[in-house]
Amino acid sequence: MTLEGRVALVTGGGRGIGKAIALGLAADGADVAINYRRDSDAARETVAEIEGLGRKAAAYQASIDDIDQDQAMVDAALETFGHVDILVNNAGIASRGGTVAKTDPAELTRVIGTHAIGAHHLCRMLIPQMRAQERGDVVMISSVATRAMAGGGAPYNMAKAALEALALTLANEEKTKGIRVNIVAPGLVDTEMGRRLVKGAMGVEDIRTLDKGMPFGRVCAPEDVADVVRFLVSDAGAFVTGQRIYLDGGAGY
């Protein structure tokens, strides 16, 4: 599963799922550009860990819903690395859990902008140069939320549904140009966002107390998500495009 000579851009790559993906791709031989929004310390730490694996890395601050910041990040990454042939659209934010009738319009705009519109900007900016590479891969990190469409989460549900629509459309557009586009849709993951979610929605202080109720005896780890991404962008995943992989351990939520 060597990725020697390949370059990845991972949005939201400084922490949580994004960090696990960045480190996994680096372990397989890729150089990695890390995007972060606010936590520069975490991004620098991730860069240092990637460099410790013997790979080239750099961190770029950009709020993904800001088209100008996206363009500046892409320009800087291409100048530093020469090309990007793996794009992982992972950056995301949670919605506040209100009903449609009580949703702040600004929240709707912010959540959809971060998950879906920002991903569209990055695909538009990077796909042309990706076509010139031997192979290209785009992976969208979605959620099992698109299967349940539970009440109280319209901004997030809509954002992830739009992200998946982008992925499937792009897969059809680019399949003759050497670019694979796939979706990884995890359930509850042991990250800072996941811990906030279970505390706010369920009153659970320690996410690990949910392990015993999970099909395989534990909550999904960021590395579980990263391993699926690593497969999809590897030679083993060369014949896979336009697919959605749910990663919930069989919980079915």
Protein backbone atom coordinates (compact mmCIF):
# COMPACT_ATOMS: atom_id res chain seq x y z
CA MET A 1 0.00 0.00 0.00
CA THR A 2 2.86 2.35 -0.74
CA LEU A 3 1.97 5.96 -1.49
CA GLU A 4 5.54 6.95 -2.28
CA GLY A 5 5.63 10.06 -4.44
CA ARG A 6 2.06 11.05 -3.70
CA VAL A 7 0.87 14.20 -1.88
CA ALA A 8 -2.28 14.47 0.25
CA LEU A 9 -4.20 17.48 1.49
CA VAL A 10 -6.28 16.63 4.56
CA THR A 11 -8.72 19.27 5.76
CA GLY A 12 -9.24 19.42 9.50
CA GLY A 13 -6.05 17.40 9.67
CA GLY A 14 -4.64 18.66 12.96
CA ARG A 15 -6.89 16.69 15.30
CA GLY A 16 -9.23 13.74 15.58
CA ILE A 17 -10.15 11.80 12.46
CA GLY A 18 -8.17 14.15 10.23
CA LYS A 19 -4.99 13.67 12.21
CA ALA A 20 -5.36 9.88 12.12
CA ILE A 21 -5.85 10.02 8.35
CA ALA A 22 -2.85 12.31 7.87
CA LEU A 23 -0.59 10.07 9.95
CA GLY A 24 -1.88 6.94 8.22
CA LEU A 25 -1.20 8.33 4.76
CA ALA A 26 2.26 9.46 5.86
CA ALA A 27 2.98 6.00 7.26
CA ASP A 28 2.15 4.62 3.80
CA GLY A 29 4.63 7.00 2.17
CA ALA A 30 2.69 10.14 1.24
CA ASP A 31 3.74 13.70 1.94
CA VAL A 32 0.90 15.56 3.66
CA ALA A 33 -0.46 19.10 3.71
CA ILE A 34 -2.48 19.74 6.86
CA ASN A 35 -5.36 22.19 6.95
CA TYR A 36 -6.55 23.65 10.25
CA ARG A 37 -8.93 26.43 11.23
CA ARG A 38 -7.93 27.54 14.73
CA ASP A 39 -5.74 25.05 16.61
CA SER A 40 -2.30 25.88 15.27
CA ASP A 41 -0.57 24.01 18.10
CA ALA A 42 -2.32 20.75 17.20
CA ALA A 43 -1.51 21.27 13.51
CA ARG A 44 2.17 21.87 14.27
CA GLU A 45 2.23 18.75 16.42
CA THR A 46 0.74 16.68 13.61
CA VAL A 47 3.28 18.09 11.15
CA ALA A 48 6.09 17.13 13.54
CA GLU A 49 4.75 13.58 13.84
CA ILE A 50 4.57 13.23 10.06
CA GLU A 51 8.12 14.52 9.72
CA GLY A 52 9.09 11.97 12.36
CA LEU A 53 7.88 9.31 9.94
CA GLY A 54 10.31 10.65 7.36
CA ARG A 55 7.73 12.44 5.22
CA LYS A 56 7.37 16.07 4.18
CA ALA A 57 4.56 18.02 5.85
CA ALA A 58 3.25 21.55 6.21
CA ALA A 59 0.25 23.17 7.91
CA TYR A 60 -2.05 25.77 6.38
CA GLN A 61 -4.64 27.85 8.19
CA ALA A 62 -7.94 28.26 6.33
CA SER A 63 -11.60 28.29 7.24
CA ILE A 64 -12.92 25.89 4.63
CA ASP A 65 -16.12 27.87 4.07
CA ASP A 66 -14.05 30.90 2.96
CA ILE A 67 -13.25 30.69 -0.76
CA ASP A 68 -10.38 33.19 -0.59
CA GLN A 69 -8.70 31.32 2.26
CA ASP A 70 -9.18 28.06 0.37
CA GLN A 71 -7.50 29.47 -2.72
CA ALA A 72 -4.58 30.85 -0.71
CA MET A 73 -4.10 27.45 0.96
CA VAL A 74 -4.23 25.56 -2.34
CA ASP A 75 -1.76 27.96 -3.97
CA ALA A 76 0.65 27.64 -1.06
CA ALA A 77 0.39 23.85 -0.92
CA LEU A 78 1.00 23.49 -4.66
CA GLU A 79 4.01 25.78 -4.39
CA THR A 80 5.42 23.74 -1.51
CA PHE A 81 4.64 20.21 -2.73
CA GLY A 82 4.38 20.63 -6.50
CA HIS A 83 1.08 18.79 -6.78
CA VAL A 84 -1.74 17.26 -4.75
CA ASP A 85 -3.15 13.91 -5.89
CA ILE A 86 -5.05 12.90 -2.74
CA LEU A 87 -7.70 15.23 -1.30
CA VAL A 88 -9.48 14.22 1.91
CA ASN A 89 -12.41 16.51 2.69
CA ASN A 90 -12.67 15.86 6.41
CA ALA A 91 -13.18 19.29 7.99
CA GLY A 92 -16.51 19.62 9.71
CA ILE A 93 -18.48 21.23 12.50
CA ALA A 94 -21.52 20.09 14.46
CA SER A 95 -24.93 21.70 14.40
CA ARG A 96 -26.67 22.75 17.61
CA GLY A 97 -29.43 20.16 17.52
CA GLY A 98 -32.42 22.44 17.10
CA THR A 99 -35.51 21.67 15.08
CA VAL A 100 -35.94 23.17 11.63
CA ALA A 101 -38.36 25.72 13.06
CA LYS A 102 -35.78 26.86 15.60
CA THR A 103 -32.64 26.82 13.45
CA ASP A 104 -30.66 30.04 13.12
CA PRO A 105 -30.19 30.73 9.38
CA ALA A 106 -26.57 31.65 10.05
CA GLU A 107 -25.97 28.19 11.51
CA LEU A 108 -27.41 26.55 8.41
CA THR A 109 -25.13 28.59 6.18
CA ARG A 110 -22.05 27.93 8.32
CA VAL A 111 -22.54 24.15 8.60
CA ILE A 112 -23.35 23.55 4.94
CA GLY A 113 -20.57 25.92 3.93
CA THR A 114 -17.97 24.05 5.94
CA HIS A 115 -18.95 20.51 5.00
CA ALA A 116 -20.16 20.78 1.42
CA ILE A 117 -19.54 24.14 -0.24
CA GLY A 118 -15.94 24.31 0.98
CA ALA A 119 -15.35 20.76 -0.28
CA HIS A 120 -16.73 21.85 -3.67
CA HIS A 121 -14.30 24.79 -3.74
CA LEU A 122 -11.32 22.55 -3.04
CA CYS A 123 -12.36 19.96 -5.61
CA ARG A 124 -12.78 22.69 -8.23
CA MET A 125 -9.36 24.11 -7.39
CA LEU A 126 -7.45 20.82 -7.28
CA ILE A 127 -9.11 18.52 -9.82
CA PRO A 128 -7.56 20.15 -12.94
CA GLN A 129 -3.98 19.57 -11.77
CA MET A 130 -4.95 16.15 -10.38
CA ARG A 131 -5.90 14.99 -13.89
CA ALA A 132 -2.27 15.45 -14.91
CA GLN A 133 -1.06 12.99 -12.27
CA GLU A 134 -0.78 9.24 -12.70
CA ARG A 135 -3.70 8.82 -10.30
CA GLY A 136 -5.99 11.02 -8.25
CA ASP A 137 -8.17 10.30 -5.23
CA VAL A 138 -10.82 12.34 -3.46
CA VAL A 139 -12.31 10.98 -0.24
CA MET A 140 -15.24 12.64 1.50
CA ILE A 141 -15.67 12.00 5.22
CA SER A 142 -19.43 11.90 5.69
CA SER A 143 -21.55 10.35 8.44
CA VAL A 144 -24.18 7.71 9.12
CA ALA A 145 -26.40 10.75 9.72
CA THR A 146 -27.25 10.57 6.01
CA ARG A 147 -28.85 7.18 6.62
CA ALA A 148 -30.91 8.09 9.69
CA MET A 149 -31.76 11.75 8.98
CA ALA A 150 -32.69 12.09 12.64
CA GLY A 151 -34.73 15.05 13.86
CA GLY A 152 -32.95 17.97 15.43
CA GLY A 153 -30.03 17.98 13.02
CA ALA A 154 -31.15 19.41 9.70
CA PRO A 155 -28.06 21.60 9.05
CA TYR A 156 -25.68 18.69 9.63
CA ASN A 157 -27.86 16.16 7.77
CA MET A 158 -28.26 18.52 4.82
CA ALA A 159 -24.53 19.30 4.77
CA LYS A 160 -23.46 15.67 4.71
CA ALA A 161 -26.11 14.77 2.13
CA ALA A 162 -24.79 17.57 -0.09
CA LEU A 163 -21.23 16.36 0.44
CA GLU A 164 -22.24 12.88 -0.69
CA ALA A 165 -24.04 14.31 -3.73
CA LEU A 166 -20.85 16.14 -4.63
CA ALA A 167 -18.82 12.94 -4.28
CA LEU A 168 -21.08 10.82 -6.46
CA THR A 169 -21.37 13.52 -9.12
CA LEU A 170 -17.61 14.03 -9.18
CA ALA A 171 -17.01 10.27 -9.40
CA ASN A 172 -19.10 10.17 -12.57
CA GLU A 173 -17.37 13.21 -14.04
CA GLU A 174 -13.80 12.09 -13.38
CA LYS A 175 -13.83 8.28 -13.71
CA THR A 176 -12.36 8.44 -17.23
CA LYS A 177 -9.60 10.78 -16.08
CA GLY A 178 -7.88 8.53 -13.54
CA ILE A 179 -9.55 10.06 -10.47
CA ARG A 180 -11.40 7.97 -7.88
CA VAL A 181 -13.96 9.61 -5.59
CA ASN A 182 -15.39 7.79 -2.57
CA ILE A 183 -17.24 8.40 0.68
CA VAL A 184 -16.44 7.11 4.18
CA ALA A 185 -19.38 7.51 6.55
CA PRO A 186 -18.54 6.70 10.19
CA GLY A 187 -20.90 6.59 13.12
CA LEU A 188 -19.89 7.74 16.59
CA VAL A 189 -16.11 8.18 16.77
CA ASP A 190 -13.99 8.75 19.87
CA THR A 191 -12.94 12.32 19.09
CA GLU A 192 -13.39 15.65 20.80
CA MET A 193 -16.54 16.25 18.73
CA GLY A 194 -17.84 12.77 19.51
CA ARG A 195 -17.27 13.26 23.21
CA ARG A 196 -19.11 16.60 23.15
CA LEU A 197 -21.96 14.99 21.25
CA VAL A 198 -22.60 12.20 23.73
CA LYS A 199 -22.26 14.55 26.66
CA GLY A 200 -24.73 17.05 25.23
CA ALA A 201 -27.23 14.57 23.78
CA MET A 202 -27.02 11.74 26.30
CA GLY A 203 -25.39 13.20 29.41
CA VAL A 204 -22.52 10.72 29.06
CA GLU A 205 -19.34 12.07 30.65
CA ASP A 206 -17.02 9.30 29.44
CA ILE A 207 -17.54 8.03 25.90
CA ARG A 208 -15.76 4.79 26.76
CA THR A 209 -18.70 3.78 28.95
CA LEU A 210 -20.54 3.19 25.66
CA ASP A 211 -18.08 0.49 24.60
CA LYS A 212 -20.07 -2.37 26.06
CA GLY A 213 -23.11 -1.46 23.99
CA MET A 214 -21.23 -1.47 20.68
CA PRO A 215 -21.29 -4.53 18.36
CA PHE A 216 -17.53 -5.09 18.56
CA GLY A 217 -17.20 -3.97 22.16
CA ARG A 218 -15.86 -0.47 21.52
CA VAL A 219 -16.62 2.90 20.02
CA CYS A 220 -15.08 3.56 16.60
CA ALA A 221 -11.56 5.00 16.78
CA PRO A 222 -10.15 7.67 14.41
CA GLU A 223 -7.67 5.06 13.19
CA ASP A 224 -10.56 2.86 12.01
CA VAL A 225 -11.65 5.66 9.68
CA ALA A 226 -8.07 6.30 8.60
CA ASP A 227 -7.55 2.65 7.67
CA VAL A 228 -10.51 2.74 5.27
CA VAL A 229 -9.15 5.90 3.65
CA ARG A 230 -5.72 4.27 3.34
CA PHE A 231 -7.30 1.32 1.53
CA LEU A 232 -9.29 3.51 -0.86
CA VAL A 233 -6.27 5.53 -2.02
CA SER A 234 -3.96 2.51 -2.25
CA ASP A 235 -3.37 0.09 -5.13
CA ALA A 236 -5.82 -2.25 -3.40
CA GLY A 237 -8.55 0.34 -3.90
CA ALA A 238 -7.65 1.16 -7.49
CA PHE A 239 -10.93 -0.24 -8.90
CA VAL A 240 -13.18 1.48 -6.35
CA THR A 241 -14.97 4.72 -7.13
CA GLY A 242 -18.38 6.23 -6.49
CA GLN A 243 -18.85 4.16 -3.34
CA ARG A 244 -20.08 4.94 0.17
CA ILE A 245 -18.63 2.87 3.00
CA TYR A 246 -20.55 3.03 6.29
CA LEU A 247 -18.28 2.55 9.28
CA ASP A 248 -20.47 1.88 12.30
CA GLY A 249 -19.41 -1.60 13.39
CA GLY A 250 -22.79 -2.92 12.35
CA ALA A 251 -24.68 -0.78 14.85
CA GLY A 252 -27.05 0.32 12.11
CA TYR A 253 -27.77 3.76 13.54
